[in-house]
């Protein structure tokens, strides 16, 4: 993964990931695989889905993670779900996540710092 590529998580995603046991190492590996185009599905402009293995398991029955990314910008982890609990995103979820992605990808450096201070987003630190 390029050294200047930063990763952030929304507050809700961070809470979900912690509950599911997705460590920062797993999420960094996910970001690396995303950067390499491994198992990435483009949902809409700047909105992507990638498969993530459950700790101790495989990817096919694991998780699906939704990311926001635009070339030259940061990666934002937006949403995750277990494949066994949800087959795919609903149209409403897709629409809501698209709007969230547009908002986050438009953040200035000042906006990112404010969001970090307000705990609206969390930096993914290796």
Protein backbone atom coordinates (compact mmCIF):
# COMPACT_ATOMS: atom_id res chain seq x y z
CA UNK A 1 0.00 0.00 0.00
CA UNK A 2 1.43 3.41 -0.85
CA UNK A 3 2.91 5.02 2.27
CA UNK A 4 0.92 8.23 1.78
CA UNK A 5 -2.43 6.40 1.61
CA UNK A 6 -4.30 6.89 4.87
CA UNK A 7 -7.18 4.79 6.15
CA UNK A 8 -10.06 5.94 8.32
CA UNK A 9 -13.13 4.26 9.76
CA UNK A 10 -16.49 5.77 10.49
CA UNK A 11 -17.53 5.58 14.13
CA UNK A 12 -20.17 2.95 13.34
CA UNK A 13 -17.76 0.84 11.30
CA UNK A 14 -15.13 0.96 14.07
CA UNK A 15 -17.71 -0.23 16.61
CA UNK A 16 -18.84 -3.06 14.31
CA UNK A 17 -15.27 -4.13 13.48
CA UNK A 18 -14.33 -4.28 17.16
CA UNK A 19 -17.41 -6.38 17.96
CA UNK A 20 -16.55 -8.80 15.13
CA UNK A 21 -12.88 -9.09 16.13
CA UNK A 22 -11.48 -7.38 13.04
CA UNK A 23 -8.13 -6.08 14.22
CA UNK A 24 -6.21 -3.16 12.76
CA UNK A 25 -3.88 -5.73 11.14
CA UNK A 26 -6.81 -7.42 9.39
CA UNK A 27 -8.14 -4.04 8.24
CA UNK A 28 -4.70 -2.94 7.01
CA UNK A 29 -4.44 -6.18 5.04
CA UNK A 30 -7.89 -5.43 3.62
CA UNK A 31 -6.71 -1.96 2.56
CA UNK A 32 -3.62 -3.52 0.97
CA UNK A 33 -5.75 -6.05 -0.95
CA UNK A 34 -8.05 -3.22 -2.02
CA UNK A 35 -5.07 -1.21 -3.26
CA UNK A 36 -3.92 -4.26 -5.25
CA UNK A 37 -7.42 -4.79 -6.67
CA UNK A 38 -7.76 -8.22 -5.07
CA UNK A 39 -11.39 -9.27 -4.75
CA UNK A 40 -12.70 -5.74 -5.17
CA UNK A 41 -16.17 -5.09 -6.58
CA UNK A 42 -17.09 -1.58 -7.67
CA UNK A 43 -20.62 -0.84 -6.46
CA UNK A 44 -20.82 2.75 -7.67
CA UNK A 45 -18.47 5.63 -8.33
CA UNK A 46 -15.99 5.72 -5.39
CA UNK A 47 -17.88 2.97 -3.52
CA UNK A 48 -16.42 -0.54 -3.33
CA UNK A 49 -17.06 -3.91 -1.68
CA UNK A 50 -14.35 -6.32 -0.63
CA UNK A 51 -14.49 -9.71 1.04
CA UNK A 52 -12.81 -10.15 4.41
CA UNK A 53 -12.24 -13.48 6.13
CA UNK A 54 -13.63 -14.01 9.59
CA UNK A 55 -10.84 -14.51 12.12
CA UNK A 56 -10.01 -18.21 11.89
CA UNK A 57 -12.19 -18.71 8.81
CA UNK A 58 -12.37 -18.10 5.10
CA UNK A 59 -13.61 -15.26 2.94
CA UNK A 60 -16.55 -17.01 1.27
CA UNK A 61 -18.60 -17.13 4.46
CA UNK A 62 -16.91 -14.13 6.02
CA UNK A 63 -17.60 -10.44 5.92
CA UNK A 64 -18.28 -7.88 3.26
CA UNK A 65 -16.76 -4.46 3.84
CA UNK A 66 -17.81 -1.31 2.02
CA UNK A 67 -15.11 1.26 1.33
CA UNK A 68 -15.06 4.77 -0.09
CA UNK A 69 -12.07 5.67 -2.22
CA UNK A 70 -11.21 8.13 -4.94
CA UNK A 71 -7.83 8.10 -6.66
CA UNK A 72 -5.44 10.35 -4.80
CA UNK A 73 -7.58 10.41 -1.66
CA UNK A 74 -7.85 8.45 1.56
CA UNK A 75 -9.67 5.16 2.10
CA UNK A 76 -12.71 5.24 4.36
CA UNK A 77 -14.16 2.06 5.84
CA UNK A 78 -17.89 2.74 5.87
CA UNK A 79 -19.89 -0.40 6.57
CA UNK A 80 -19.49 -4.09 7.17
CA UNK A 81 -21.74 -7.10 7.39
CA UNK A 82 -21.54 -10.84 7.77
CA UNK A 83 -22.45 -12.75 4.62
CA UNK A 84 -24.44 -15.17 6.76
CA UNK A 85 -26.62 -12.33 8.11
CA UNK A 86 -27.10 -10.27 4.97
CA UNK A 87 -26.81 -11.31 1.33
CA UNK A 88 -26.07 -7.87 -0.06
CA UNK A 89 -26.78 -4.17 0.36
CA UNK A 90 -30.31 -2.91 -0.07
CA UNK A 91 -30.92 -0.11 -2.56
CA UNK A 92 -31.46 2.30 0.33
CA UNK A 93 -28.19 1.26 2.01
CA UNK A 94 -26.38 1.69 -1.29
CA UNK A 95 -27.85 5.18 -1.73
CA UNK A 96 -27.03 6.19 1.86
CA UNK A 97 -23.46 4.87 1.61
CA UNK A 98 -22.96 6.66 -1.71
CA UNK A 99 -23.91 9.97 -0.07
CA UNK A 100 -21.66 9.25 2.90
CA UNK A 101 -18.77 8.39 0.56
CA UNK A 102 -19.25 11.64 -1.38
CA UNK A 103 -19.22 13.63 1.86
CA UNK A 104 -16.12 11.95 3.30
CA UNK A 105 -14.14 12.09 0.06
CA UNK A 106 -14.80 15.83 -0.13
CA UNK A 107 -13.23 16.41 3.30
CA UNK A 108 -10.36 18.85 3.49
CA UNK A 109 -7.46 18.15 5.82
CA UNK A 110 -9.11 20.49 8.32
CA UNK A 111 -12.40 18.55 8.05
CA UNK A 112 -10.54 15.29 8.71
CA UNK A 113 -8.86 16.75 11.79
CA UNK A 114 -12.21 18.05 13.08
CA UNK A 115 -13.88 14.67 12.47
CA UNK A 116 -11.05 12.89 14.29
CA UNK A 117 -11.35 15.27 17.26
CA UNK A 118 -15.13 14.79 17.32
CA UNK A 119 -14.70 10.98 17.10
CA UNK A 120 -16.85 10.89 13.94
CA UNK A 121 -14.02 9.00 12.25
CA UNK A 122 -11.07 7.05 13.57
CA UNK A 123 -7.65 6.70 11.98
CA UNK A 124 -6.58 3.15 11.22
CA UNK A 125 -3.08 2.97 12.66
CA UNK A 126 -0.77 0.05 11.86
